[in-house]
Amino acid sequence: MKAPSHFFKFIPPASNSHLQSIPKKFALANGLSGGEMVFMNVDNEGSWTVKLRNEFGKHFCIQRGLREFCTGIGLQKGESFRFELIHNGKKPAAVNIPLAFARSNKLNMRNCEVCLKDENQRLWPAQLCDSGGHVRIFGLRGMMIANELKEGDDFILELLDNGDKPFMNFHRNGNEVATNAFV
């Protein structure tokens, strides 16, 4: 029997909009066990990270982040939305920056916010971190899901500004990318 791919959720008028249950049958059939989930609106204009809580396989609910999602898409109390599971699985949430590239662009020895712009002109804030000789960008799960990246997919990040808040363009392939980029 195929697992259901979606369910509808009604936001009750008296709801706090920060804790909503998920049908147990849906959660179990799709292997949802807890942790982070990314919600996206229909037009792919944004994403919101929410937490899924699993209480011993008996009760599943969305917590932390649901209120921001509802506000972001203009969902009011008393309205409903369709929750559709697009993909169930971990996406890489961090990108390693080659050390030679990081050093030549003065990105090493920095811990700061970085902003990435994808090919649909959406902006994605993330964290640039230097940890013991490794320079990484963390917090990219939403961007990777929105751009349908799978483990092992190649992409290029092009550094446009390495100021206080570095700014990079994301490219799915390397066509017409400047030399200040890495794969």
Protein backbone atom coordinates (compact mmCIF):
# COMPACT_ATOMS: atom_id res chain seq x y z
CA MET A 1 0.00 0.00 0.00
CA LYS A 2 1.41 3.37 -1.03
CA ALA A 3 1.95 5.97 1.70
CA PRO A 4 -0.31 9.03 1.48
CA SER A 5 1.57 12.00 0.04
CA HIS A 6 -0.55 14.77 1.55
CA PHE A 7 -3.13 15.80 4.12
CA PHE A 8 -5.18 18.93 4.77
CA LYS A 9 -4.80 20.92 7.97
CA PHE A 10 -7.35 23.34 9.38
CA ILE A 11 -6.02 26.12 11.64
CA PRO A 12 -8.72 26.40 14.35
CA PRO A 13 -9.86 29.94 15.24
CA ALA A 14 -8.73 29.47 18.85
CA SER A 15 -5.33 28.07 17.84
CA ASN A 16 -2.01 29.50 18.95
CA SER A 17 -0.64 28.56 15.49
CA HIS A 18 2.58 27.30 17.03
CA LEU A 19 1.68 23.65 17.63
CA GLN A 20 -0.35 21.56 15.18
CA SER A 21 -0.86 17.82 15.09
CA ILE A 22 0.00 15.67 12.07
CA PRO A 23 -2.14 12.61 11.33
CA LYS A 24 -0.42 9.61 12.92
CA LYS A 25 -1.16 7.41 9.89
CA PHE A 26 0.51 9.95 7.56
CA ALA A 27 3.60 10.34 9.78
CA LEU A 28 4.14 6.61 10.28
CA ALA A 29 3.47 5.69 6.63
CA ASN A 30 6.04 8.26 5.45
CA GLY A 31 8.69 7.43 8.06
CA LEU A 32 8.58 10.84 9.74
CA SER A 33 10.40 10.48 13.03
CA GLY A 34 11.09 13.98 14.26
CA GLY A 35 13.63 16.69 13.64
CA GLU A 36 13.56 19.50 11.09
CA MET A 37 11.18 19.88 8.18
CA VAL A 38 11.11 22.58 5.54
CA PHE A 39 7.79 24.08 4.48
CA MET A 40 7.55 25.87 1.14
CA ASN A 41 4.63 27.78 -0.30
CA VAL A 42 3.06 26.75 -3.62
CA ASP A 43 4.89 29.42 -5.61
CA ASN A 44 8.32 28.43 -4.19
CA GLU A 45 8.78 32.01 -3.02
CA GLY A 46 10.12 31.13 0.38
CA SER A 47 10.79 28.38 2.87
CA TRP A 48 10.36 28.00 6.60
CA THR A 49 12.09 25.48 8.86
CA VAL A 50 9.80 23.90 11.44
CA LYS A 51 10.37 21.24 14.07
CA LEU A 52 8.53 17.92 14.03
CA ARG A 53 7.95 16.34 17.43
CA ASN A 54 7.35 12.61 17.78
CA GLU A 55 6.07 11.39 21.13
CA PHE A 56 6.94 7.68 21.15
CA GLY A 57 5.23 7.05 17.80
CA LYS A 58 1.83 7.85 19.27
CA HIS A 59 1.47 11.56 18.61
CA PHE A 60 3.13 13.72 15.95
CA CYS A 61 3.01 17.50 15.81
CA ILE A 62 4.61 20.47 14.13
CA GLN A 63 6.13 22.92 16.57
CA ARG A 64 8.45 25.94 16.42
CA GLY A 65 8.30 27.66 13.06
CA LEU A 66 4.67 27.03 12.13
CA ARG A 67 3.58 30.51 13.21
CA GLU A 68 6.23 32.09 10.94
CA PHE A 69 5.12 29.85 8.06
CA CYS A 70 1.45 30.85 8.52
CA THR A 71 2.39 34.54 8.67
CA GLY A 72 4.70 34.22 5.66
CA ILE A 73 2.01 32.78 3.39
CA GLY A 74 -0.80 34.89 4.84
CA LEU A 75 -2.65 31.94 6.39
CA GLN A 76 -5.22 33.13 8.95
CA LYS A 77 -6.82 31.27 11.83
CA GLY A 78 -9.89 29.44 10.55
CA GLU A 79 -8.28 28.70 7.16
CA SER A 80 -6.75 25.46 5.96
CA PHE A 81 -3.70 24.44 3.97
CA ARG A 82 -2.56 21.34 2.12
CA PHE A 83 0.57 19.69 3.48
CA GLU A 84 2.33 17.65 0.79
CA LEU A 85 5.44 15.60 1.39
CA ILE A 86 7.75 16.23 -1.56
CA HIS A 87 10.79 14.35 -0.32
CA ASN A 88 11.61 12.52 2.86
CA GLY A 89 15.30 12.36 3.58
CA LYS A 90 18.26 14.32 4.78
CA LYS A 91 19.81 16.79 2.42
CA PRO A 92 23.32 18.01 3.00
CA ALA A 93 22.95 21.13 5.10
CA ALA A 94 26.57 22.29 4.91
CA VAL A 95 28.98 23.03 2.08
CA ASN A 96 32.74 22.78 2.45
CA ILE A 97 34.63 25.67 0.87
CA PRO A 98 38.02 24.72 -0.59
CA LEU A 99 40.65 26.12 1.76
CA ALA A 100 42.72 27.70 -1.04
CA PHE A 101 39.60 29.55 -2.26
CA ALA A 102 38.69 30.62 1.29
CA ARG A 103 42.20 31.92 1.97
CA SER A 104 42.56 33.78 -1.33
CA ASN A 105 39.23 35.54 -0.70
CA LYS A 106 39.82 36.15 3.03
CA LEU A 107 36.90 33.91 4.04
CA ASN A 108 39.01 31.81 6.40
CA MET A 109 39.14 32.67 10.11
CA ARG A 110 35.66 34.22 9.90
CA ASN A 111 32.36 33.32 11.50
CA CYS A 112 29.62 35.47 10.04
CA GLU A 113 26.35 35.50 8.16
CA VAL A 114 26.53 34.92 4.41
CA CYS A 115 23.79 35.44 1.83
CA LEU A 116 23.28 33.28 -1.26
CA LYS A 117 21.09 34.13 -4.25
CA ASP A 118 19.74 31.26 -6.32
CA GLU A 119 18.88 31.29 -10.03
CA ASN A 120 15.28 32.29 -9.21
CA GLN A 121 16.61 35.43 -7.47
CA ARG A 122 15.61 34.12 -4.01
CA LEU A 123 17.89 35.11 -1.13
CA TRP A 124 19.03 32.50 1.38
CA PRO A 125 20.79 33.56 4.60
CA ALA A 126 23.31 31.06 5.98
CA GLN A 127 26.32 30.91 8.32
CA LEU A 128 29.96 30.98 7.24
CA CYS A 129 32.12 29.18 9.82
CA ASP A 130 35.82 28.45 10.17
CA SER A 131 36.41 25.48 12.43
CA GLY A 132 39.93 24.20 12.76
CA GLY A 133 41.12 24.70 9.20
CA HIS A 134 37.79 23.84 7.60
CA VAL A 135 35.61 26.61 6.17
CA ARG A 136 31.95 25.70 5.74
CA ILE A 137 28.60 27.27 4.99
CA PHE A 138 25.84 25.95 7.25
CA GLY A 139 22.07 26.39 7.06
CA LEU A 140 21.49 25.61 3.39
CA ARG A 141 18.85 22.87 3.78
CA GLY A 142 15.99 25.13 2.63
CA MET A 143 17.88 26.36 -0.43
CA MET A 144 18.88 22.84 -1.40
CA ILE A 145 15.33 21.55 -1.13
CA ALA A 146 13.87 24.53 -3.01
CA ASN A 147 16.40 24.02 -5.82
CA GLU A 148 15.79 20.26 -5.88
CA LEU A 149 19.41 19.38 -5.17
CA LYS A 150 20.16 15.76 -4.42
CA GLU A 151 23.18 14.30 -2.69
CA GLY A 152 26.06 14.27 -5.15
CA ASP A 153 24.68 17.04 -7.39
CA ASP A 154 27.26 19.55 -8.60
CA PHE A 155 26.74 23.27 -8.24
CA ILE A 156 28.85 26.41 -8.13
CA LEU A 157 28.94 29.22 -5.59
CA GLU A 158 30.25 32.47 -7.06
CA LEU A 159 31.59 35.02 -4.56
CA LEU A 160 30.36 38.52 -5.45
CA ASP A 161 31.22 40.40 -2.24
CA ASN A 162 33.42 39.29 0.65
CA GLY A 163 32.65 42.23 2.95
CA ASP A 164 31.16 42.01 6.44
CA LYS A 165 28.34 39.84 5.07
CA PRO A 166 29.68 37.86 2.10
CA PHE A 167 27.32 37.51 -0.86
CA MET A 168 27.35 34.58 -3.31
CA ASN A 169 25.41 33.51 -6.38
CA PHE A 170 24.32 29.89 -6.63
CA HIS A 171 24.52 28.20 -10.07
CA ARG A 172 23.31 24.69 -10.89
CA ASN A 173 25.96 24.34 -13.60
CA GLY A 174 29.14 26.15 -14.54
CA ASN A 175 28.05 27.91 -17.72
CA GLU A 176 29.24 31.52 -17.91
CA VAL A 177 30.47 31.73 -14.31
CA ALA A 178 33.23 34.14 -13.36
CA THR A 179 36.60 32.91 -12.14
CA ASN A 180 35.85 33.86 -8.50
CA ALA A 181 33.85 30.68 -7.91
CA PHE A 182 34.22 27.11 -6.70
CA VAL A 183 32.40 23.81 -7.26
